Amino acid sequence: MFRRLRSLGHAFLLLTFAAVIIFLCGWRDAQPAPLQGPSSTVVQEGLVVIKEKDLAVNMPLFPAFNQQQEAVPLDARENDLLYRPPLDVAFIFTHARDNWPLQNQLRVAAGSLLAHSSAPLRLHLITDEDGFHTATKIINEVQATNQLDSRHIKLVYVSADDFIPEIESSVTVLQEFFTRRANSYYRDALFFFSLHLHQLLPGLERVILMDIDIKVKGDVAELHSHFERFTPGNVMGMAQEQSPVYRHLLSVYRRSHPNTTLGSPPSEGGFTGFNSGVVLIDINKLRESQIIKSYQKRPKLVERTQHYSFQGHLGDQDLYTLIALDHPELFYSLPCGWNRQLCDWWRGHGYQAVFDLYFNCPEELKIIHGNCKTPIPDDL
């Protein structure tokens, strides 16, 4: 009898052990699989890239949580950066494939912008798909080299190629008045994109559009604060042109209007025109401005360019200057230090005697602009 009981005990133990094994296997299989991102999400060089049609938002890929890692409190600046709303900045970055000078310009522009910013940034790259991949790689390298926290920047891909057909008819009209030759550098549609940012970036309220031939030495948050100084009528903010180019373009008008200050230097109370290397744009006001829309129509352009004997060649900034001749209330004038232009081409082309009256900028340099392909010295 005892032998039978012992056999039953062994059988019970074996059954119990088998039940435990089956339970453990079933529990493991029942665990949820790791969450998979949407099919449009890919990991690219330390960033999560979320693509939505023409839009891709790059967000930092946070490291896995380590239970053994000691929590380190954020300092005041880091805490402020993480919880402040990002500022919107846009670069136009097209024709970048195998264009090493252009890629280096982005490296300098983006690197200096990030290094001096006290606010998190949402950087909108108006480009093509190849250009976006190139830009992402460059900005990753900049972050790694300068030990910049990737949590403080998000990249947004805005497709230039898909947008050009939508504005082609408008751009064709503008090109007739503000470019000179069929192969002109400024004939590219990208030099009129700023007029259409309310269509390119419809979800934004304010954006700072910058050329990439710049070096930033000031805090972009300080630049952004100039939006608060806009009057209710100001649509855009730009620094004035720091060369006599519009004195030249208005020369016929100036001869027939000897008392005008249009095209005269600041020291004479003149208006030198605007430079669009750095533009603060109120998106809603741009969308609603009937005046700016009217200046994109052929009849208005014919009338006003004939009135001023004005034939431009510098793209959108010619249009803004033309509008400002009639409607200065639409524009806020940035201090010259926020767009310190280095181009001195006009010094050697008939305007040496007056050039420095335009070129002078006594303010602290916050953004240096190597316009007309002028190298930016390393010591600036």
Foldseek 3Di string as FASTA:
>chain_A
DVVVVVVVVVVVVVVVVVVVVVVVVVVVVPDDDPDDDPPQWDDDLQWIWHDDPQKIKTAGDDDDDDPVDDDDDDDPLVVCQLPDDAAAEEEEQEPPVVVVVSLVLLLQALLQQQVAASYAHEYEYAYAPVRVSSSVVSVSVSCVVVVGDRNRYMYMGFYNVVCCVVCVVLLVLLLVFAADDPPAPQSDSVLACVLVVCVRPVVDFKYKYAYSQKHFDHHVVVVVCCVVVQDPQAFKEFAAALFLPQCVQQVVVCVVVVPAQESPFVVVVHGNFGDNRIMMGRSVSSVPDPLLVVLSDNVNVVVQCVNRVGGHRRGPSSSVRSSCVVPVSHYHHDQCLAEQEDDPVVCPPPCVPCNCSRNDHPDHHGMYGDPPVRDDDPVD
